[in-house]
Amino acid sequence: MSTLEQESARERSTTAVRAGRILSEVALIGLLYVGYSCSRLLASDALAPALGRAAELVRVERLLGLHWELVLNQLFADVRIIGLLGSYWYATAHYIVTAITLVWLYRVGQYAYVPARRALVAATLIGLAIYLSVPTAPPRFVGGYIDVLKLNAADGWWGGDASAPRGLGGLTNQLAAFPSLHAGWALWVAIVVHRHARHRITRTLGWAHAAITAVVIVGTGNHWVIDVVFGWLVVLAGFLLADGLSASRTITGRPRSPR
C-alpha cells in the first residue's frame, strides 16, 4: 500500500471514530432528555401529597424570608410582554441553550466536554431520583397563583401542561418541581462557560442566563424559590462528583488532556 493510500485509510479511520463518538454522545444526551421528559411515566401523580409537600416548602421559605413567588407571579401575569417573553424563555432556553453549550464544549475539547457532561448527567439523575421519590406541586397548582404559560398558550406552541407541546402534556411530569432542573441546567451553563470561555462578556452572558432563568421559572408559576436553590445545589453536587472522578483518574495514572 502506498503512502498516500495509508494516509487516506488513516483519515477514514479517524473520521469513523470521530463520527462514532459524536453519535454516542448524541445518544447519551438524547437518552438523558427522554428520561427527564418522561419521568411522568414512573412518578406518582397523586396531587394531595404533592400539595402537602409544596405547603411545607412555603413554610420553610417564610422562615428563611424567601417567599417571593406571589410578587413575581403577579408581575408576569399583569404585564403581558413580561409574561409572554417569560413563557418563551421557559419553553425554549432550557433546552436550546444547554444543547448549544454542549456542542460548544465538544468543540473546545474533551478536557472541557467530558467533565462538564459528567456533571450534567449526575445532576440530572439526582434530580430525577428526587422527582420520583418526593413529587411536589408547583405554584401554578396552588390557589392564588397563575399559570403564566397557560395564560399565553395561544401565542406559543405549548398547551396547558407546563411547556409541553400541545397534545403531549401526558408525557410531562408536572409534579417535578423540586428541585428545579431548569435552574440547575442554567447554573451548569454559567459554570462551564465561566470555566472555559475566553471573553468576559461571554462569561457574563452565562451568569445572566442563570439569573434570568431563576426569575422566569418562579414568575411563571412553575417553581418555588426553594426549588431554584436546591436545583443549584444539585448541579454543584454534580460538579463535585464529576471533578472528583476526574481527579481520581489523574491520580491513578490516567492524566487528563491539558487545558
C-alpha atoms as a PDB file:
ATOM      1  CA  MET A   1       0.000   0.000   0.000  1.00  0.00           C
ATOM      2  CA  SER A   2       1.380   3.392  -0.976  1.00  0.00           C
ATOM      3  CA  THR A   3       1.952   6.212   1.496  1.00  0.00           C
ATOM      4  CA  LEU A   4      -0.980   8.137   0.014  1.00  0.00           C
ATOM      5  CA  GLU A   5      -3.272   5.150   0.442  1.00  0.00           C
ATOM      6  CA  GLN A   6      -2.108   4.673   4.040  1.00  0.00           C
ATOM      7  CA  GLU A   7      -2.821   8.320   4.847  1.00  0.00           C
ATOM      8  CA  SER A   8      -6.240   8.065   3.222  1.00  0.00           C
ATOM      9  CA  ALA A   9      -7.025   4.938   5.266  1.00  0.00           C
ATOM     10  CA  ARG A  10      -5.932   6.655   8.472  1.00  0.00           C
ATOM     11  CA  GLU A  11      -8.116   9.654   7.664  1.00  0.00           C
ATOM     12  CA  ARG A  12     -11.134   7.415   7.041  1.00  0.00           C
ATOM     13  CA  SER A  13     -10.467   5.562  10.288  1.00  0.00           C
ATOM     14  CA  THR A  14     -10.163   8.833  12.226  1.00  0.00           C
ATOM     15  CA  THR A  15     -13.362  10.156  10.668  1.00  0.00           C
ATOM     16  CA  ALA A  16     -15.211   6.958  11.544  1.00  0.00           C
ATOM     17  CA  VAL A  17     -14.007   7.078  15.153  1.00  0.00           C
ATOM     18  CA  ARG A  18     -14.987  10.744  15.448  1.00  0.00           C
ATOM     19  CA  ALA A  19     -18.422  10.062  13.966  1.00  0.00           C
ATOM     20  CA  GLY A  20     -18.909   7.165  16.369  1.00  0.00           C
ATOM     21  CA  ARG A  21     -18.026   9.359  19.338  1.00  0.00           C
ATOM     22  CA  ILE A  22     -20.425  12.074  18.218  1.00  0.00           C
ATOM     23  CA  LEU A  23     -23.246   9.573  17.701  1.00  0.00           C
ATOM     24  CA  SER A  24     -22.650   8.024  21.123  1.00  0.00           C
ATOM     25  CA  GLU A  25     -22.730  11.454  22.756  1.00  0.00           C
ATOM     26  CA  VAL A  26     -25.929  12.373  20.929  1.00  0.00           C
ATOM     27  CA  ALA A  27     -27.478   9.068  22.015  1.00  0.00           C
ATOM     28  CA  LEU A  28     -26.443   9.632  25.649  1.00  0.00           C
ATOM     29  CA  ILE A  29     -27.806  13.183  25.784  1.00  0.00           C
ATOM     30  CA  GLY A  30     -30.953  12.067  23.962  1.00  0.00           C
ATOM     31  CA  LEU A  31     -31.488   9.288  26.497  1.00  0.00           C
ATOM     32  CA  LEU A  32     -30.988  11.780  29.313  1.00  0.00           C
ATOM     33  CA  TYR A  33     -33.548  14.125  27.777  1.00  0.00           C
ATOM     34  CA  VAL A  34     -36.083  11.335  27.296  1.00  0.00           C
ATOM     35  CA  GLY A  35     -35.674  10.258  30.923  1.00  0.00           C
ATOM     36  CA  TYR A  36     -36.054  13.834  32.094  1.00  0.00           C
ATOM     37  CA  SER A  37     -39.137  14.494  29.969  1.00  0.00           C
ATOM     38  CA  CYS A  38     -40.841  11.146  30.503  1.00  0.00           C
ATOM     39  CA  SER A  39     -40.332  10.700  34.247  1.00  0.00           C
ATOM     40  CA  ARG A  40     -44.121  11.208  34.324  1.00  0.00           C
ATOM     41  CA  LEU A  41     -44.455   7.533  33.342  1.00  0.00           C
ATOM     42  CA  LEU A  42     -42.873   6.394  36.617  1.00  0.00           C
ATOM     43  CA  ALA A  43     -43.718   9.230  39.016  1.00  0.00           C
ATOM     44  CA  SER A  44     -46.763   9.301  41.250  1.00  0.00           C
ATOM     45  CA  ASP A  45     -49.458  11.708  40.072  1.00  0.00           C
ATOM     46  CA  ALA A  46     -51.220  11.879  43.449  1.00  0.00           C
ATOM     47  CA  LEU A  47     -51.912  15.593  43.854  1.00  0.00           C
ATOM     48  CA  ALA A  48     -52.802  15.729  47.557  1.00  0.00           C
ATOM     49  CA  PRO A  49     -49.393  14.653  48.939  1.00  0.00           C
ATOM     50  CA  ALA A  50     -47.658  16.809  46.318  1.00  0.00           C
ATOM     51  CA  LEU A  51     -49.642  19.841  47.506  1.00  0.00           C
ATOM     52  CA  GLY A  52     -48.742  18.961  51.088  1.00  0.00           C
ATOM     53  CA  ARG A  53     -45.038  18.999  50.226  1.00  0.00           C
ATOM     54  CA  ALA A  54     -45.481  22.336  48.466  1.00  0.00           C
ATOM     55  CA  ALA A  55     -47.070  23.760  51.623  1.00  0.00           C
ATOM     56  CA  GLU A  56     -44.071  22.553  53.637  1.00  0.00           C
ATOM     57  CA  LEU A  57     -41.702  24.288  51.220  1.00  0.00           C
ATOM     58  CA  VAL A  58     -43.644  27.524  51.583  1.00  0.00           C
ATOM     59  CA  ARG A  59     -43.358  27.290  55.362  1.00  0.00           C
ATOM     60  CA  VAL A  60     -39.599  26.883  55.055  1.00  0.00           C
ATOM     61  CA  GLU A  61     -39.436  29.827  52.663  1.00  0.00           C
ATOM     62  CA  ARG A  62     -41.338  32.054  55.088  1.00  0.00           C
ATOM     63  CA  LEU A  63     -38.881  31.164  57.825  1.00  0.00           C
ATOM     64  CA  LEU A  64     -35.949  31.998  55.555  1.00  0.00           C
ATOM     65  CA  GLY A  65     -37.514  35.122  54.056  1.00  0.00           C
ATOM     66  CA  LEU A  66     -37.572  33.605  50.551  1.00  0.00           C
ATOM     67  CA  HIS A  67     -41.308  33.626  49.851  1.00  0.00           C
ATOM     68  CA  TRP A  68     -41.181  35.866  46.754  1.00  0.00           C
ATOM     69  CA  GLU A  69     -43.416  33.846  44.427  1.00  0.00           C
ATOM     70  CA  LEU A  70     -46.608  35.915  44.727  1.00  0.00           C
ATOM     71  CA  VAL A  71     -44.980  39.222  43.782  1.00  0.00           C
ATOM     72  CA  LEU A  72     -43.107  37.785  40.808  1.00  0.00           C
ATOM     73  CA  ASN A  73     -46.050  35.728  39.595  1.00  0.00           C
ATOM     74  CA  GLN A  74     -48.346  38.753  39.716  1.00  0.00           C
ATOM     75  CA  LEU A  75     -45.823  40.788  37.721  1.00  0.00           C
ATOM     76  CA  PHE A  76     -45.590  38.143  34.992  1.00  0.00           C
ATOM     77  CA  ALA A  77     -49.368  37.795  34.878  1.00  0.00           C
ATOM     78  CA  ASP A  78     -50.197  41.523  34.842  1.00  0.00           C
ATOM     79  CA  VAL A  79     -47.524  42.785  32.410  1.00  0.00           C
ATOM     80  CA  ARG A  80     -48.263  40.963  29.179  1.00  0.00           C
ATOM     81  CA  ILE A  81     -44.911  41.464  27.470  1.00  0.00           C
ATOM     82  CA  ILE A  82     -43.047  40.135  30.523  1.00  0.00           C
ATOM     83  CA  GLY A  83     -45.367  37.146  30.750  1.00  0.00           C
ATOM     84  CA  LEU A  84     -45.080  36.380  27.037  1.00  0.00           C
ATOM     85  CA  LEU A  85     -41.288  36.696  26.921  1.00  0.00           C
ATOM     86  CA  GLY A  86     -41.026  34.689  30.132  1.00  0.00           C
ATOM     87  CA  SER A  87     -43.184  31.943  28.630  1.00  0.00           C
ATOM     88  CA  TYR A  88     -40.985  31.689  25.544  1.00  0.00           C
ATOM     89  CA  TRP A  89     -37.862  31.724  27.697  1.00  0.00           C
ATOM     90  CA  TYR A  90     -39.229  28.920  29.890  1.00  0.00           C
ATOM     91  CA  ALA A  91     -40.269  26.820  26.895  1.00  0.00           C
ATOM     92  CA  THR A  92     -37.088  27.213  24.833  1.00  0.00           C
ATOM     93  CA  ALA A  93     -33.957  28.445  26.629  1.00  0.00           C
ATOM     94  CA  HIS A  94     -33.781  25.441  28.958  1.00  0.00           C
ATOM     95  CA  TYR A  95     -33.207  23.089  26.034  1.00  0.00           C
ATOM     96  CA  ILE A  96     -31.647  25.236  23.317  1.00  0.00           C
ATOM     97  CA  VAL A  97     -29.006  26.996  25.432  1.00  0.00           C
ATOM     98  CA  THR A  98     -27.990  23.736  27.113  1.00  0.00           C
ATOM     99  CA  ALA A  99     -27.676  21.967  23.749  1.00  0.00           C
ATOM    100  CA  ILE A 100     -25.654  24.807  22.218  1.00  0.00           C
ATOM    101  CA  THR A 101     -23.351  24.807  25.241  1.00  0.00           C
ATOM    102  CA  LEU A 102     -22.761  21.059  24.931  1.00  0.00           C
ATOM    103  CA  VAL A 103     -21.844  21.427  21.242  1.00  0.00           C
ATOM    104  CA  TRP A 104     -19.514  24.336  22.038  1.00  0.00           C
ATOM    105  CA  LEU A 105     -17.811  22.341  24.807  1.00  0.00           C
ATOM    106  CA  TYR A 106     -17.327  19.397  22.455  1.00  0.00           C
ATOM    107  CA  ARG A 107     -15.596  21.696  20.005  1.00  0.00           C
ATOM    108  CA  VAL A 108     -13.439  23.175  22.778  1.00  0.00           C
ATOM    109  CA  GLY A 109     -12.052  19.739  23.557  1.00  0.00           C
ATOM    110  CA  GLN A 110     -12.526  16.580  25.564  1.00  0.00           C
ATOM    111  CA  TYR A 111     -10.796  18.110  28.600  1.00  0.00           C
ATOM    112  CA  ALA A 112     -13.696  20.598  28.808  1.00  0.00           C
ATOM    113  CA  TYR A 113     -16.537  18.471  27.480  1.00  0.00           C
ATOM    114  CA  VAL A 114     -16.176  15.222  29.403  1.00  0.00           C
ATOM    115  CA  PRO A 115     -16.184  16.620  32.995  1.00  0.00           C
ATOM    116  CA  ALA A 116     -18.996  19.037  32.092  1.00  0.00           C
ATOM    117  CA  ARG A 117     -21.108  16.269  30.576  1.00  0.00           C
ATOM    118  CA  ARG A 118     -20.486  14.065  33.627  1.00  0.00           C
ATOM    119  CA  ALA A 119     -21.635  16.888  35.904  1.00  0.00           C
ATOM    120  CA  LEU A 120     -24.797  17.437  33.842  1.00  0.00           C
ATOM    121  CA  VAL A 121     -25.659  13.735  33.782  1.00  0.00           C
ATOM    122  CA  ALA A 122     -25.007  13.298  37.508  1.00  0.00           C
ATOM    123  CA  ALA A 123     -27.089  16.350  38.451  1.00  0.00           C
ATOM    124  CA  THR A 124     -29.959  15.303  36.202  1.00  0.00           C
ATOM    125  CA  LEU A 125     -30.018  11.775  37.618  1.00  0.00           C
ATOM    126  CA  ILE A 126     -30.064  13.174  41.159  1.00  0.00           C
ATOM    127  CA  GLY A 127     -32.939  15.465  40.207  1.00  0.00           C
ATOM    128  CA  LEU A 128     -34.898  12.628  38.599  1.00  0.00           C
ATOM    129  CA  ALA A 129     -34.430  10.475  41.692  1.00  0.00           C
ATOM    130  CA  ILE A 130     -35.877  13.239  43.859  1.00  0.00           C
ATOM    131  CA  TYR A 131     -38.784  13.774  41.444  1.00  0.00           C
ATOM    132  CA  LEU A 132     -39.699  10.115  41.671  1.00  0.00           C
ATOM    133  CA  SER A 133     -39.355   9.894  45.452  1.00  0.00           C
ATOM    134  CA  VAL A 134     -40.946  13.190  46.524  1.00  0.00           C
ATOM    135  CA  PRO A 135     -43.278  14.609  43.831  1.00  0.00           C
ATOM    136  CA  THR A 136     -44.019  18.249  44.692  1.00  0.00           C
ATOM    137  CA  ALA A 137     -46.649  20.574  43.252  1.00  0.00           C
ATOM    138  CA  PRO A 138     -45.504  23.814  41.595  1.00  0.00           C
ATOM    139  CA  PRO A 139     -47.121  27.159  42.489  1.00  0.00           C
ATOM    140  CA  ARG A 140     -49.486  27.044  39.488  1.00  0.00           C
ATOM    141  CA  PHE A 141     -51.264  24.111  41.151  1.00  0.00           C
ATOM    142  CA  VAL A 142     -51.856  26.132  44.302  1.00  0.00           C
ATOM    143  CA  GLY A 143     -54.699  28.614  44.749  1.00  0.00           C
ATOM    144  CA  GLY A 144     -53.702  32.252  44.343  1.00  0.00           C
ATOM    145  CA  TYR A 145     -51.051  31.610  41.692  1.00  0.00           C
ATOM    146  CA  ILE A 146     -51.438  31.997  37.936  1.00  0.00           C
ATOM    147  CA  ASP A 147     -50.131  29.595  35.297  1.00  0.00           C
ATOM    148  CA  VAL A 148     -48.471  32.170  33.042  1.00  0.00           C
ATOM    149  CA  LEU A 149     -47.618  29.710  30.272  1.00  0.00           C
ATOM    150  CA  LYS A 150     -51.235  28.606  30.121  1.00  0.00           C
ATOM    151  CA  LEU A 151     -52.253  32.278  30.081  1.00  0.00           C
ATOM    152  CA  ASN A 152     -50.084  32.796  26.985  1.00  0.00           C
ATOM    153  CA  ALA A 153     -50.625  29.393  25.359  1.00  0.00           C
ATOM    154  CA  ALA A 154     -52.475  30.896  22.392  1.00  0.00           C
ATOM    155  CA  ASP A 155     -49.284  32.721  21.393  1.00  0.00           C
ATOM    156  CA  GLY A 156     -46.971  29.716  21.649  1.00  0.00           C
ATOM    157  CA  TRP A 157     -46.719  26.026  20.781  1.00  0.00           C
ATOM    158  CA  TRP A 158     -47.260  24.804  24.325  1.00  0.00           C
ATOM    159  CA  GLY A 159     -50.579  23.770  25.833  1.00  0.00           C
ATOM    160  CA  GLY A 160     -51.819  23.940  29.394  1.00  0.00           C
ATOM    161  CA  ASP A 161     -49.331  21.346  30.689  1.00  0.00           C
ATOM    162  CA  ALA A 162     -46.236  23.374  31.571  1.00  0.00           C
ATOM    163  CA  SER A 163     -44.048  23.822  28.471  1.00  0.00           C
ATOM    164  CA  ALA A 164     -45.063  20.573  26.765  1.00  0.00           C
ATOM    165  CA  PRO A 165     -46.229  20.943  23.150  1.00  0.00           C
ATOM    166  CA  ARG A 166     -49.978  20.768  22.677  1.00  0.00           C
ATOM    167  CA  GLY A 167     -51.212  17.198  22.941  1.00  0.00           C
ATOM    168  CA  LEU A 168     -48.058  15.899  24.651  1.00  0.00           C
ATOM    169  CA  GLY A 169     -48.809  17.003  28.197  1.00  0.00           C
ATOM    170  CA  GLY A 170     -49.308  13.384  29.243  1.00  0.00           C
ATOM    171  CA  LEU A 171     -45.573  12.790  28.778  1.00  0.00           C
ATOM    172  CA  THR A 172     -44.603  15.562  31.180  1.00  0.00           C
ATOM    173  CA  ASN A 173     -44.133  15.129  34.907  1.00  0.00           C
ATOM    174  CA  GLN A 174     -45.998  18.186  36.184  1.00  0.00           C
ATOM    175  CA  LEU A 175     -45.104  17.382  39.795  1.00  0.00           C
ATOM    176  CA  ALA A 176     -41.369  17.639  39.075  1.00  0.00           C
ATOM    177  CA  ALA A 177     -40.988  20.996  40.789  1.00  0.00           C
ATOM    178  CA  PHE A 178     -38.455  20.210  43.499  1.00  0.00           C
ATOM    179  CA  PRO A 179     -35.595  20.651  42.724  1.00  0.00           C
ATOM    180  CA  SER A 180     -35.690  22.826  39.601  1.00  0.00           C
ATOM    181  CA  LEU A 181     -33.558  21.410  36.824  1.00  0.00           C
ATOM    182  CA  HIS A 182     -34.436  24.497  34.796  1.00  0.00           C
ATOM    183  CA  ALA A 183     -32.435  26.451  37.374  1.00  0.00           C
ATOM    184  CA  GLY A 184     -29.850  23.696  37.702  1.00  0.00           C
ATOM    185  CA  TRP A 185     -29.115  23.363  34.000  1.00  0.00           C
ATOM    186  CA  ALA A 186     -28.882  27.160  33.696  1.00  0.00           C
ATOM    187  CA  LEU A 187     -26.314  27.257  36.505  1.00  0.00           C
ATOM    188  CA  TRP A 188     -24.442  24.421  34.782  1.00  0.00           C
ATOM    189  CA  VAL A 189     -24.245  26.593  31.651  1.00  0.00           C
ATOM    190  CA  ALA A 190     -22.949  29.546  33.683  1.00  0.00           C
ATOM    191  CA  ILE A 191     -20.263  27.452  35.403  1.00  0.00           C
ATOM    192  CA  VAL A 192     -18.896  25.738  32.286  1.00  0.00           C
ATOM    193  CA  VAL A 193     -18.922  28.985  30.313  1.00  0.00           C
ATOM    194  CA  HIS A 194     -17.091  30.697  33.168  1.00  0.00           C
ATOM    195  CA  ARG A 195     -14.521  27.899  33.227  1.00  0.00           C
ATOM    196  CA  HIS A 196     -13.790  27.738  29.515  1.00  0.00           C
ATOM    197  CA  ALA A 197     -14.873  30.942  27.743  1.00  0.00           C
ATOM    198  CA  ARG A 198     -12.093  33.348  26.847  1.00  0.00           C
ATOM    199  CA  HIS A 199     -14.056  36.590  26.867  1.00  0.00           C
ATOM    200  CA  ARG A 200     -15.550  38.314  29.881  1.00  0.00           C
ATOM    201  CA  ILE A 201     -18.738  39.243  28.007  1.00  0.00           C
ATOM    202  CA  THR A 202     -19.368  35.556  27.251  1.00  0.00           C
ATOM    203  CA  ARG A 203     -18.929  34.627  30.902  1.00  0.00           C
ATOM    204  CA  THR A 204     -21.263  37.465  31.898  1.00  0.00           C
ATOM    205  CA  LEU A 205     -23.907  36.199  29.479  1.00  0.00           C
ATOM    206  CA  GLY A 206     -23.639  32.757  31.058  1.00  0.00           C
ATOM    207  CA  TRP A 207     -24.360  34.119  34.524  1.00  0.00           C
ATOM    208  CA  ALA A 208     -27.142  36.330  33.118  1.00  0.00           C
ATOM    209  CA  HIS A 209     -28.763  33.221  31.640  1.00  0.00           C
ATOM    210  CA  ALA A 210     -28.757  31.556  35.071  1.00  0.00           C
ATOM    211  CA  ALA A 211     -30.197  34.650  36.788  1.00  0.00           C
ATOM    212  CA  ILE A 212     -32.917  35.269  34.188  1.00  0.00           C
ATOM    213  CA  THR A 213     -33.931  31.620  34.231  1.00  0.00           C
ATOM    214  CA  ALA A 214     -34.286  31.684  38.021  1.00  0.00           C
ATOM    215  CA  VAL A 215     -36.595  34.713  37.847  1.00  0.00           C
ATOM    216  CA  VAL A 216     -38.613  33.328  34.928  1.00  0.00           C
ATOM    217  CA  ILE A 217     -39.340  29.904  36.405  1.00  0.00           C
ATOM    218  CA  VAL A 218     -40.633  31.489  39.609  1.00  0.00           C
ATOM    219  CA  GLY A 219     -42.506  34.313  37.888  1.00  0.00           C
ATOM    220  CA  THR A 220     -44.331  31.969  35.512  1.00  0.00           C
ATOM    221  CA  GLY A 221     -45.635  29.934  38.446  1.00  0.00           C
ATOM    222  CA  ASN A 222     -43.657  26.798  37.636  1.00  0.00           C
ATOM    223  CA  HIS A 223     -41.284  26.689  40.609  1.00  0.00           C
ATOM    224  CA  TRP A 224     -40.854  27.832  44.173  1.00  0.00           C
ATOM    225  CA  VAL A 225     -37.825  29.895  45.130  1.00  0.00           C
ATOM    226  CA  ILE A 226     -36.515  26.997  47.197  1.00  0.00           C
ATOM    227  CA  ASP A 227     -36.769  24.789  44.087  1.00  0.00           C
ATOM    228  CA  VAL A 228     -34.252  27.116  42.485  1.00  0.00           C
ATOM    229  CA  VAL A 229     -31.894  26.912  45.455  1.00  0.00           C
ATOM    230  CA  PHE A 230     -31.963  23.119  45.513  1.00  0.00           C
ATOM    231  CA  GLY A 231     -31.638  22.946  41.736  1.00  0.00           C
ATOM    232  CA  TRP A 232     -28.404  24.889  42.080  1.00  0.00           C
ATOM    233  CA  LEU A 233     -27.236  22.616  44.910  1.00  0.00           C
ATOM    234  CA  VAL A 234     -27.941  19.521  42.808  1.00  0.00           C
ATOM    235  CA  VAL A 235     -25.775  20.877  39.995  1.00  0.00           C
ATOM    236  CA  LEU A 236     -22.989  21.779  42.412  1.00  0.00           C
ATOM    237  CA  ALA A 237     -23.167  18.195  43.683  1.00  0.00           C
ATOM    238  CA  GLY A 238     -22.896  17.007  40.075  1.00  0.00           C
ATOM    239  CA  PHE A 239     -19.738  19.054  39.593  1.00  0.00           C
ATOM    240  CA  LEU A 240     -18.265  17.718  42.826  1.00  0.00           C
ATOM    241  CA  LEU A 241     -18.854  14.167  41.614  1.00  0.00           C
ATOM    242  CA  ALA A 242     -17.508  14.880  38.127  1.00  0.00           C
ATOM    243  CA  ASP A 243     -14.432  16.754  39.352  1.00  0.00           C
ATOM    244  CA  GLY A 244     -13.762  14.067  41.952  1.00  0.00           C
ATOM    245  CA  LEU A 245     -13.914  11.373  39.257  1.00  0.00           C
ATOM    246  CA  SER A 246     -11.539  13.356  37.043  1.00  0.00           C
ATOM    247  CA  ALA A 247      -9.120  13.811  39.943  1.00  0.00           C
ATOM    248  CA  SER A 248      -9.182  10.107  40.802  1.00  0.00           C
ATOM    249  CA  ARG A 249      -8.466   9.170  37.181  1.00  0.00           C
ATOM    250  CA  THR A 250      -5.497  11.523  37.193  1.00  0.00           C
ATOM    251  CA  ILE A 251      -4.125  10.069  40.444  1.00  0.00           C
ATOM    252  CA  THR A 252      -4.385   6.511  39.147  1.00  0.00           C
ATOM    253  CA  GLY A 253      -2.164   7.348  36.207  1.00  0.00           C
ATOM    254  CA  ARG A 254      -4.674   8.344  33.557  1.00  0.00           C
ATOM    255  CA  PRO A 255      -3.997  12.059  33.148  1.00  0.00           C
ATOM    256  CA  ARG A 256      -6.486  14.410  31.572  1.00  0.00           C
ATOM    257  CA  SER A 257      -5.670  16.421  28.488  1.00  0.00           C
ATOM    258  CA  PRO A 258      -4.050  19.773  29.331  1.00  0.00           C
ATOM    259  CA  ARG A 259      -6.314  22.787  29.448  1.00  0.00           C
END
